[in-house]
Full PDB file with SEQRES, HELIX, SHEET, SSBOND, CRYST1, ORIGX, SCALE, CONECT and MASTER records, all heavy atoms in Angstrom:
SEQRES   1 A   37  VAL THR TYR ASP THR PHE THR LEU ASP SER SER MET SER          
SEQRES   2 A   37  SER LEU SER MET SER VAL SER PHE ALA PHE TYR GLN THR          
SEQRES   3 A   37  GLU THR SER THR VAL LYS ASN ALA PHE THR ASN                  
HELIX    1 AA1 SER A   10  MET A   12  5                                   3    
HELIX    2 AA2 VAL A   31  THR A   36  1                                   6    
SHEET    1 AA1 2 ASP A   4  THR A   7  0                                        
SHEET    2 AA1 2 SER A  16  VAL A  19 -1                                        
CRYST1    1.000    1.000    1.000  90.00  90.00  90.00 P 1           1          
ORIGX1      1.000000  0.000000  0.000000        0.00000                         
ORIGX2      0.000000  1.000000  0.000000        0.00000                         
ORIGX3      0.000000  0.000000  1.000000        0.00000                         
SCALE1      1.000000  0.000000  0.000000        0.00000                         
SCALE2      0.000000  1.000000  0.000000        0.00000                         
SCALE3      0.000000  0.000000  1.000000        0.00000                         
ATOM      1  N   VAL A   1       9.213   4.891  24.884  1.00  0.00           N  
ATOM      2  CA  VAL A   1       8.323   4.753  23.733  1.00  0.00           C  
ATOM      3  C   VAL A   1       9.161   4.481  22.493  1.00  0.00           C  
ATOM      4  O   VAL A   1      10.141   5.165  22.228  1.00  0.00           O  
ATOM      5  CB  VAL A   1       7.476   6.037  23.527  1.00  0.00           C  
ATOM      6  CG1 VAL A   1       6.644   5.929  22.254  1.00  0.00           C  
ATOM      7  CG2 VAL A   1       6.580   6.255  24.727  1.00  0.00           C  
ATOM      8  N   THR A   2       8.779   3.466  21.746  1.00  0.00           N  
ATOM      9  CA  THR A   2       9.588   3.083  20.584  1.00  0.00           C  
ATOM     10  C   THR A   2       8.806   3.169  19.277  1.00  0.00           C  
ATOM     11  O   THR A   2       9.292   2.736  18.247  1.00  0.00           O  
ATOM     12  CB  THR A   2      10.115   1.647  20.748  1.00  0.00           C  
ATOM     13  OG1 THR A   2       9.001   0.761  20.893  1.00  0.00           O  
ATOM     14  CG2 THR A   2      11.024   1.547  21.948  1.00  0.00           C  
ATOM     15  N   TYR A   3       7.583   3.702  19.320  1.00  0.00           N  
ATOM     16  CA  TYR A   3       6.809   3.790  18.092  1.00  0.00           C  
ATOM     17  C   TYR A   3       6.263   5.193  17.933  1.00  0.00           C  
ATOM     18  O   TYR A   3       5.187   5.526  18.423  1.00  0.00           O  
ATOM     19  CB  TYR A   3       5.662   2.771  18.094  1.00  0.00           C  
ATOM     20  CG  TYR A   3       4.945   2.683  16.766  1.00  0.00           C  
ATOM     21  CD1 TYR A   3       5.554   2.083  15.671  1.00  0.00           C  
ATOM     22  CD2 TYR A   3       3.673   3.212  16.606  1.00  0.00           C  
ATOM     23  CE1 TYR A   3       4.910   2.001  14.450  1.00  0.00           C  
ATOM     24  CE2 TYR A   3       3.019   3.138  15.394  1.00  0.00           C  
ATOM     25  CZ  TYR A   3       3.646   2.530  14.319  1.00  0.00           C  
ATOM     26  OH  TYR A   3       3.007   2.456  13.098  1.00  0.00           O  
ATOM     27  N   ASP A   4       7.032   6.058  17.281  1.00  0.00           N  
ATOM     28  CA  ASP A   4       6.607   7.394  16.928  1.00  0.00           C  
ATOM     29  C   ASP A   4       6.267   7.404  15.445  1.00  0.00           C  
ATOM     30  O   ASP A   4       6.733   6.548  14.683  1.00  0.00           O  
ATOM     31  CB  ASP A   4       7.716   8.399  17.219  1.00  0.00           C  
ATOM     32  CG  ASP A   4       8.113   8.414  18.693  1.00  0.00           C  
ATOM     33  OD1 ASP A   4       7.214   8.510  19.533  1.00  0.00           O  
ATOM     34  OD2 ASP A   4       9.310   8.303  18.986  1.00  0.00           O  
ATOM     35  N   THR A   5       5.461   8.375  15.003  1.00  0.00           N  
ATOM     36  CA  THR A   5       5.004   8.359  13.610  1.00  0.00           C  
ATOM     37  C   THR A   5       4.986   9.742  12.968  1.00  0.00           C  
ATOM     38  O   THR A   5       4.817  10.758  13.639  1.00  0.00           O  
ATOM     39  CB  THR A   5       3.585   7.770  13.504  1.00  0.00           C  
ATOM     40  OG1 THR A   5       2.676   8.559  14.288  1.00  0.00           O  
ATOM     41  CG2 THR A   5       3.547   6.325  13.977  1.00  0.00           C  
ATOM     42  N   PHE A   6       5.166   9.726  11.641  1.00  0.00           N  
ATOM     43  CA  PHE A   6       4.853  10.835  10.756  1.00  0.00           C  
ATOM     44  C   PHE A   6       3.689  10.388   9.877  1.00  0.00           C  
ATOM     45  O   PHE A   6       3.664   9.232   9.430  1.00  0.00           O  
ATOM     46  CB  PHE A   6       6.008  11.149   9.795  1.00  0.00           C  
ATOM     47  CG  PHE A   6       7.190  11.838  10.386  1.00  0.00           C  
ATOM     48  CD1 PHE A   6       8.414  11.792   9.716  1.00  0.00           C  
ATOM     49  CD2 PHE A   6       7.108  12.555  11.563  1.00  0.00           C  
ATOM     50  CE1 PHE A   6       9.529  12.431  10.222  1.00  0.00           C  
ATOM     51  CE2 PHE A   6       8.228  13.202  12.079  1.00  0.00           C  
ATOM     52  CZ  PHE A   6       9.438  13.138  11.403  1.00  0.00           C  
ATOM     53  N   THR A   7       2.766  11.277   9.571  1.00  0.00           N  
ATOM     54  CA  THR A   7       1.778  11.034   8.522  1.00  0.00           C  
ATOM     55  C   THR A   7       2.060  12.019   7.403  1.00  0.00           C  
ATOM     56  O   THR A   7       1.967  13.241   7.611  1.00  0.00           O  
ATOM     57  CB  THR A   7       0.334  11.220   9.034  1.00  0.00           C  
ATOM     58  OG1 THR A   7       0.098  10.314  10.116  1.00  0.00           O  
ATOM     59  CG2 THR A   7      -0.650  10.927   7.912  1.00  0.00           C  
ATOM     60  N   LEU A   8       2.447  11.503   6.251  1.00  0.00           N  
ATOM     61  CA  LEU A   8       2.764  12.364   5.118  1.00  0.00           C  
ATOM     62  C   LEU A   8       1.482  12.918   4.508  1.00  0.00           C  
ATOM     63  O   LEU A   8       0.395  12.359   4.679  1.00  0.00           O  
ATOM     64  CB  LEU A   8       3.543  11.569   4.068  1.00  0.00           C  
ATOM     65  CG  LEU A   8       4.839  10.904   4.563  1.00  0.00           C  
ATOM     66  CD1 LEU A   8       5.507  10.134   3.423  1.00  0.00           C  
ATOM     67  CD2 LEU A   8       5.801  11.926   5.137  1.00  0.00           C  
ATOM     68  N   ASP A   9       1.604  14.024   3.770  1.00  0.00           N  
ATOM     69  CA  ASP A   9       0.407  14.632   3.181  1.00  0.00           C  
ATOM     70  C   ASP A   9       0.008  13.912   1.893  1.00  0.00           C  
ATOM     71  O   ASP A   9       0.639  12.934   1.478  1.00  0.00           O  
ATOM     72  CB  ASP A   9       0.614  16.132   2.959  1.00  0.00           C  
ATOM     73  CG  ASP A   9       1.657  16.461   1.897  1.00  0.00           C  
ATOM     74  OD1 ASP A   9       2.081  15.552   1.137  1.00  0.00           O  
ATOM     75  OD2 ASP A   9       2.059  17.639   1.825  1.00  0.00           O  
ATOM     76  N   SER A  10      -1.048  14.385   1.255  1.00  0.00           N  
ATOM     77  CA  SER A  10      -1.608  13.694   0.091  1.00  0.00           C  
ATOM     78  C   SER A  10      -0.653  13.664  -1.099  1.00  0.00           C  
ATOM     79  O   SER A  10      -0.747  12.779  -1.951  1.00  0.00           O  
ATOM     80  CB  SER A  10      -2.932  14.340  -0.318  1.00  0.00           C  
ATOM     81  OG  SER A  10      -2.750  15.716  -0.624  1.00  0.00           O  
ATOM     82  N   SER A  11       0.289  14.607  -1.161  1.00  0.00           N  
ATOM     83  CA  SER A  11       1.266  14.590  -2.257  1.00  0.00           C  
ATOM     84  C   SER A  11       2.222  13.411  -2.121  1.00  0.00           C  
ATOM     85  O   SER A  11       2.916  13.052  -3.071  1.00  0.00           O  
ATOM     86  CB  SER A  11       2.061  15.899  -2.300  1.00  0.00           C  
ATOM     87  OG  SER A  11       2.957  15.994  -1.200  1.00  0.00           O  
ATOM     88  N   MET A  12       2.251  12.793  -0.925  1.00  0.00           N  
ATOM     89  CA  MET A  12       3.082  11.632  -0.653  1.00  0.00           C  
ATOM     90  C   MET A  12       2.223  10.457  -0.183  1.00  0.00           C  
ATOM     91  O   MET A  12       2.599   9.681   0.695  1.00  0.00           O  
ATOM     92  CB  MET A  12       4.149  11.979   0.381  1.00  0.00           C  
ATOM     93  CG  MET A  12       5.135  13.026  -0.093  1.00  0.00           C  
ATOM     94  SD  MET A  12       6.476  13.273   1.091  1.00  0.00           S  
ATOM     95  CE  MET A  12       7.475  14.483   0.214  1.00  0.00           C  
ATOM     96  N   SER A  13       1.044  10.349  -0.800  1.00  0.00           N  
ATOM     97  CA  SER A  13       0.145   9.204  -0.614  1.00  0.00           C  
ATOM     98  C   SER A  13      -0.382   9.046   0.804  1.00  0.00           C  
ATOM     99  O   SER A  13      -0.913   7.993   1.158  1.00  0.00           O  
ATOM    100  CB  SER A  13       0.837   7.902  -1.042  1.00  0.00           C  
ATOM    101  OG  SER A  13       1.166   7.937  -2.408  1.00  0.00           O  
ATOM    102  N   SER A  14      -0.237  10.083   1.632  1.00  0.00           N  
ATOM    103  CA  SER A  14      -0.756  10.054   3.005  1.00  0.00           C  
ATOM    104  C   SER A  14      -0.259   8.861   3.800  1.00  0.00           C  
ATOM    105  O   SER A  14      -0.961   8.325   4.675  1.00  0.00           O  
ATOM    106  CB  SER A  14      -2.301  10.057   2.991  1.00  0.00           C  
ATOM    107  OG  SER A  14      -2.802  11.198   2.322  1.00  0.00           O  
ATOM    108  N   LEU A  15       0.974   8.442   3.521  1.00  0.00           N  
ATOM    109  CA  LEU A  15       1.542   7.281   4.202  1.00  0.00           C  
ATOM    110  C   LEU A  15       1.851   7.586   5.664  1.00  0.00           C  
ATOM    111  O   LEU A  15       2.229   8.699   6.017  1.00  0.00           O  
ATOM    112  CB  LEU A  15       2.845   6.841   3.522  1.00  0.00           C  
ATOM    113  CG  LEU A  15       2.741   6.123   2.186  1.00  0.00           C  
ATOM    114  CD1 LEU A  15       4.141   5.778   1.688  1.00  0.00           C  
ATOM    115  CD2 LEU A  15       1.900   4.861   2.292  1.00  0.00           C  
ATOM    116  N   SER A  16       1.710   6.574   6.489  1.00  0.00           N  
ATOM    117  CA  SER A  16       2.140   6.663   7.885  1.00  0.00           C  
ATOM    118  C   SER A  16       3.518   6.026   7.985  1.00  0.00           C  
ATOM    119  O   SER A  16       3.704   4.861   7.636  1.00  0.00           O  
ATOM    120  CB  SER A  16       1.155   5.933   8.797  1.00  0.00           C  
ATOM    121  OG  SER A  16       1.576   6.008  10.149  1.00  0.00           O  
ATOM    122  N   MET A  17       4.484   6.801   8.448  1.00  0.00           N  
ATOM    123  CA  MET A  17       5.868   6.355   8.539  1.00  0.00           C  
ATOM    124  C   MET A  17       6.273   6.223  10.004  1.00  0.00           C  
ATOM    125  O   MET A  17       5.955   7.081  10.824  1.00  0.00           O  
ATOM    126  CB  MET A  17       6.805   7.361   7.863  1.00  0.00           C  
ATOM    127  CG  MET A  17       6.427   7.724   6.432  1.00  0.00           C  
ATOM    128  SD  MET A  17       6.760   6.410   5.247  1.00  0.00           S  
ATOM    129  CE  MET A  17       8.539   6.520   5.106  1.00  0.00           C  
ATOM    130  N   SER A  18       6.972   5.131  10.315  1.00  0.00           N  
ATOM    131  CA  SER A  18       7.530   4.990  11.661  1.00  0.00           C  
ATOM    132  C   SER A  18       8.729   5.918  11.802  1.00  0.00           C  
ATOM    133  O   SER A  18       9.485   6.125  10.848  1.00  0.00           O  
ATOM    134  CB  SER A  18       7.980   3.546  11.901  1.00  0.00           C  
ATOM    135  OG  SER A  18       6.886   2.661  11.827  1.00  0.00           O  
ATOM    136  N   VAL A  19       8.911   6.472  12.989  1.00  0.00           N  
ATOM    137  CA  VAL A  19      10.036   7.364  13.264  1.00  0.00           C  
ATOM    138  C   VAL A  19      10.819   6.807  14.441  1.00  0.00           C  
ATOM    139  O   VAL A  19      10.242   6.338  15.424  1.00  0.00           O  
ATOM    140  CB  VAL A  19       9.546   8.787  13.602  1.00  0.00           C  
ATOM    141  CG1 VAL A  19      10.727   9.711  13.896  1.00  0.00           C  
ATOM    142  CG2 VAL A  19       8.707   9.350  12.466  1.00  0.00           C  
ATOM    143  N   SER A  20      12.138   6.815  14.337  1.00  0.00           N  
ATOM    144  CA  SER A  20      12.987   6.393  15.447  1.00  0.00           C  
ATOM    145  C   SER A  20      14.207   7.292  15.510  1.00  0.00           C  
ATOM    146  O   SER A  20      14.424   8.129  14.631  1.00  0.00           O  
ATOM    147  CB  SER A  20      13.386   4.915  15.306  1.00  0.00           C  
ATOM    148  OG  SER A  20      13.990   4.678  14.046  1.00  0.00           O  
ATOM    149  N   PHE A  21      15.016   7.106  16.558  1.00  0.00           N  
ATOM    150  CA  PHE A  21      16.104   8.035  16.827  1.00  0.00           C  
ATOM    151  C   PHE A  21      17.396   7.294  17.132  1.00  0.00           C  
ATOM    152  O   PHE A  21      17.386   6.170  17.610  1.00  0.00           O  
ATOM    153  CB  PHE A  21      15.741   8.954  18.004  1.00  0.00           C  
ATOM    154  CG  PHE A  21      14.488   9.711  17.775  1.00  0.00           C  
ATOM    155  CD1 PHE A  21      13.275   9.200  18.227  1.00  0.00           C  
ATOM    156  CD2 PHE A  21      14.496  10.897  17.081  1.00  0.00           C  
ATOM    157  CE1 PHE A  21      12.091   9.883  18.006  1.00  0.00           C  
ATOM    158  CE2 PHE A  21      13.317  11.593  16.852  1.00  0.00           C  
ATOM    159  CZ  PHE A  21      12.111  11.080  17.309  1.00  0.00           C  
ATOM    160  N   ALA A  22      18.504   7.962  16.856  1.00  0.00           N  
ATOM    161  CA  ALA A  22      19.822   7.387  17.112  1.00  0.00           C  
ATOM    162  C   ALA A  22      20.571   8.323  18.048  1.00  0.00           C  
ATOM    163  O   ALA A  22      20.991   9.400  17.642  1.00  0.00           O  
ATOM    164  CB  ALA A  22      20.596   7.222  15.801  1.00  0.00           C  
ATOM    165  N   PHE A  23      20.736   7.899  19.288  1.00  0.00           N  
ATOM    166  CA  PHE A  23      21.426   8.727  20.266  1.00  0.00           C  
ATOM    167  C   PHE A  23      22.498   7.943  20.999  1.00  0.00           C  
ATOM    168  O   PHE A  23      22.340   6.756  21.253  1.00  0.00           O  
ATOM    169  CB  PHE A  23      20.443   9.270  21.308  1.00  0.00           C  
ATOM    170  CG  PHE A  23      19.604  10.388  20.823  1.00  0.00           C  
ATOM    171  CD1 PHE A  23      18.321  10.151  20.375  1.00  0.00           C  
ATOM    172  CD2 PHE A  23      20.094  11.678  20.799  1.00  0.00           C  
ATOM    173  CE1 PHE A  23      17.534  11.181  19.918  1.00  0.00           C  
ATOM    174  CE2 PHE A  23      19.319  12.711  20.350  1.00  0.00           C  
ATOM    175  CZ  PHE A  23      18.028  12.469  19.905  1.00  0.00           C  
ATOM    176  N   TYR A  24      23.567   8.635  21.359  1.00  0.00           N  
ATOM    177  CA  TYR A  24      24.556   8.102  22.281  1.00  0.00           C  
ATOM    178  C   TYR A  24      24.519   8.964  23.536  1.00  0.00           C  
ATOM    179  O   TYR A  24      23.934  10.044  23.539  1.00  0.00           O  
ATOM    180  CB  TYR A  24      25.953   8.105  21.644  1.00  0.00           C  
ATOM    181  CG  TYR A  24      26.226   6.903  20.778  1.00  0.00           C  
ATOM    182  CD1 TYR A  24      25.267   6.418  19.895  1.00  0.00           C  
ATOM    183  CD2 TYR A  24      27.435   6.251  20.847  1.00  0.00           C  
ATOM    184  CE1 TYR A  24      25.510   5.325  19.102  1.00  0.00           C  
ATOM    185  CE2 TYR A  24      27.699   5.149  20.048  1.00  0.00           C  
ATOM    186  CZ  TYR A  24      26.728   4.693  19.171  1.00  0.00           C  
ATOM    187  OH  TYR A  24      26.974   3.596  18.382  1.00  0.00           O  
ATOM    188  N   GLN A  25      25.133   8.510  24.594  1.00  0.00           N  
ATOM    189  CA  GLN A  25      24.978   9.174  25.879  1.00  0.00           C  
ATOM    190  C   GLN A  25      25.531  10.594  25.903  1.00  0.00           C  
ATOM    191  O   GLN A  25      25.131  11.397  26.755  1.00  0.00           O  
ATOM    192  CB  GLN A  25      25.658   8.346  26.970  1.00  0.00           C  
ATOM    193  CG  GLN A  25      27.164   8.180  26.780  1.00  0.00           C  
ATOM    194  CD  GLN A  25      27.716   7.126  27.720  1.00  0.00           C  
ATOM    195  OE1 GLN A  25      27.147   6.066  27.853  1.00  0.00           O  
ATOM    196  NE2 GLN A  25      28.820   7.437  28.363  1.00  0.00           N  
ATOM    197  N   THR A  26      26.421  10.942  24.977  1.00  0.00           N  
ATOM    198  CA  THR A  26      26.990  12.287  24.977  1.00  0.00           C  
ATOM    199  C   THR A  26      26.119  13.274  24.219  1.00  0.00           C  
ATOM    200  O   THR A  26      26.442  14.455  24.151  1.00  0.00           O  
ATOM    201  CB  THR A  26      28.388  12.274  24.337  1.00  0.00           C  
ATOM    202  OG1 THR A  26      28.281  11.728  23.015  1.00  0.00           O  
ATOM    203  CG2 THR A  26      29.341  11.435  25.160  1.00  0.00           C  
ATOM    204  N   GLU A  27      25.014  12.801  23.630  1.00  0.00           N  
ATOM    205  CA  GLU A  27      24.163  13.693  22.849  1.00  0.00           C  
ATOM    206  C   GLU A  27      22.895  14.070  23.596  1.00  0.00           C  
ATOM    207  O   GLU A  27      22.334  13.273  24.334  1.00  0.00           O  
ATOM    208  CB  GLU A  27      23.811  13.054  21.507  1.00  0.00           C  
ATOM    209  CG  GLU A  27      24.915  13.248  20.479  1.00  0.00           C  
ATOM    210  CD  GLU A  27      25.223  11.944  19.764  1.00  0.00           C  
ATOM    211  OE1 GLU A  27      24.401  11.037  19.786  1.00  0.00           O  
ATOM    212  OE2 GLU A  27      26.311  11.863  19.198  1.00  0.00           O  
ATOM    213  N   THR A  28      22.453  15.284  23.386  1.00  0.00           N  
ATOM    214  CA  THR A  28      21.222  15.736  24.021  1.00  0.00           C  
ATOM    215  C   THR A  28      20.021  15.034  23.399  1.00  0.00           C  
ATOM    216  O   THR A  28      20.066  14.582  22.271  1.00  0.00           O  
ATOM    217  CB  THR A  28      21.082  17.252  23.886  1.00  0.00           C  
ATOM    218  OG1 THR A  28      19.915  17.675  24.573  1.00  0.00           O  
ATOM    219  CG2 THR A  28      20.992  17.678  22.429  1.00  0.00           C  
ATOM    220  N   SER A  29      18.937  14.960  24.149  1.00  0.00           N  
ATOM    221  CA  SER A  29      17.803  14.161  23.707  1.00  0.00           C  
ATOM    222  C   SER A  29      16.517  14.974  23.552  1.00  0.00           C  
ATOM    223  O   SER A  29      15.429  14.444  23.656  1.00  0.00           O  
ATOM    224  CB  SER A  29      17.556  13.024  24.704  1.00  0.00           C  
ATOM    225  OG  SER A  29      17.369  13.542  26.016  1.00  0.00           O  
ATOM    226  N   THR A  30      16.632  16.271  23.313  1.00  0.00           N  
ATOM    227  CA  THR A  30      15.418  17.058  23.100  1.00  0.00           C  
ATOM    228  C   THR A  30      14.893  16.825  21.684  1.00  0.00           C  
ATOM    229  O   THR A  30      15.623  16.436  20.776  1.00  0.00           O  
ATOM    230  CB  THR A  30      15.686  18.555  23.284  1.00  0.00           C  
ATOM    231  OG1 THR A  30      16.562  19.018  22.249  1.00  0.00           O  
ATOM    232  CG2 THR A  30      16.284  18.856  24.649  1.00  0.00           C  
ATOM    233  N   VAL A  31      13.609  17.102  21.522  1.00  0.00           N  
ATOM    234  CA  VAL A  31      12.979  16.949  20.210  1.00  0.00           C  
ATOM    235  C   VAL A  31      13.690  17.821  19.179  1.00  0.00           C  
ATOM    236  O   VAL A  31      14.036  17.364  18.078  1.00  0.00           O  
ATOM    237  CB  VAL A  31      11.480  17.320  20.295  1.00  0.00           C  
ATOM    238  CG1 VAL A  31      10.853  17.357  18.902  1.00  0.00           C  
ATOM    239  CG2 VAL A  31      10.747  16.344  21.194  1.00  0.00           C  
ATOM    240  N   LYS A  32      13.917  19.076  19.514  1.00  0.00           N  
ATOM    241  CA  LYS A  32      14.556  20.014  18.576  1.00  0.00           C  
ATOM    242  C   LYS A  32      15.922  19.512  18.136  1.00  0.00           C  
ATOM    243  O   LYS A  32      16.229  19.494  16.934  1.00  0.00           O  
ATOM    244  CB  LYS A  32      14.682  21.391  19.224  1.00  0.00           C  
ATOM    245  CG  LYS A  32      15.395  22.417  18.359  1.00  0.00           C  
ATOM    246  CD  LYS A  32      15.369  23.795  18.996  1.00  0.00           C  
ATOM    247  CE  LYS A  32      16.193  23.851  20.267  1.00  0.00           C  
ATOM    248  NZ  LYS A  32      16.207  25.214  20.860  1.00  0.00           N  
ATOM    249  N   ASN A  33      16.747  19.094  19.073  1.00  0.00           N  
ATOM    250  CA  ASN A  33      18.089  18.655  18.710  1.00  0.00           C  
ATOM    251  C   ASN A  33      18.074  17.346  17.925  1.00  0.00           C  
ATOM    252  O   ASN A  33      18.898  17.144  17.037  1.00  0.00           O  
ATOM    253  CB  ASN A  33      18.956  18.519  19.955  1.00  0.00           C  
ATOM    254  CG  ASN A  33      19.372  19.864  20.509  1.00  0.00           C  
ATOM    255  OD1 ASN A  33      19.298  20.877  19.825  1.00  0.00           O  
ATOM    256  ND2 ASN A  33      19.793  19.885  21.765  1.00  0.00           N  
ATOM    257  N   ALA A  34      17.153  16.463  18.251  1.00  0.00           N  
ATOM    258  CA  ALA A  34      17.067  15.205  17.515  1.00  0.00           C  
ATOM    259  C   ALA A  34      16.796  15.443  16.034  1.00  0.00           C  
ATOM    260  O   ALA A  34      17.413  14.820  15.163  1.00  0.00           O  
ATOM    261  CB  ALA A  34      15.965  14.328  18.101  1.00  0.00           C  
ATOM    262  N   PHE A  35      15.888  16.361  15.745  1.00  0.00           N  
ATOM    263  CA  PHE A  35      15.510  16.583  14.350  1.00  0.00           C  
ATOM    264  C   PHE A  35      16.426  17.549  13.622  1.00  0.00           C  
ATOM    265  O   PHE A  35      16.780  17.326  12.461  1.00  0.00           O  
ATOM    266  CB  PHE A  35      14.049  17.043  14.274  1.00  0.00           C  
ATOM    267  CG  PHE A  35      13.074  15.927  14.504  1.00  0.00           C  
ATOM    268  CD1 PHE A  35      12.396  15.808  15.700  1.00  0.00           C  
ATOM    269  CD2 PHE A  35      12.852  14.970  13.527  1.00  0.00           C  
ATOM    270  CE1 PHE A  35      11.508  14.772  15.927  1.00  0.00           C  
ATOM    271  CE2 PHE A  35      11.973  13.919  13.730  1.00  0.00           C  
ATOM    272  CZ  PHE A  35      11.296  13.819  14.929  1.00  0.00           C  
ATOM    273  N   THR A  36      16.853  18.626  14.266  1.00  0.00           N  
ATOM    274  CA  THR A  36      17.697  19.590  13.557  1.00  0.00           C  
ATOM    275  C   THR A  36      19.121  19.078  13.374  1.00  0.00           C  
ATOM    276  O   THR A  36      19.822  19.505  12.451  1.00  0.00           O  
ATOM    277  CB  THR A  36      17.725  20.945  14.289  1.00  0.00           C  
ATOM    278  OG1 THR A  36      18.225  20.759  15.618  1.00  0.00           O  
ATOM    279  CG2 THR A  36      16.335  21.552  14.338  1.00  0.00           C  
ATOM    280  N   ASN A  37      19.545  18.126  14.218  1.00  0.00           N  
ATOM    281  CA  ASN A  37      20.893  17.568  14.096  1.00  0.00           C  
ATOM    282  C   ASN A  37      20.916  16.201  13.401  1.00  0.00           C  
ATOM    283  O   ASN A  37      21.918  15.493  13.431  1.00  0.00           O  
ATOM    284  CB  ASN A  37      21.541  17.451  15.470  1.00  0.00           C  
ATOM    285  CG  ASN A  37      21.830  18.805  16.083  1.00  0.00           C  
ATOM    286  OD1 ASN A  37      22.160  19.762  15.391  1.00  0.00           O  
ATOM    287  ND2 ASN A  37      21.676  18.907  17.404  1.00  0.00           N  
TER     288      ASN A  37                                                      
MASTER        0    0    0    2    2    0    0    6  287    1    0    3          
END                                                                             
């Protein structure tokens, strides 16, 4: 899947933002690690 999204709240105009990720093979691919790292 290559099209993930955030929907910002009304303080940020309720914009829909595309989300993508940058990984190399030595990095873990869990949701938590992708965002916290």
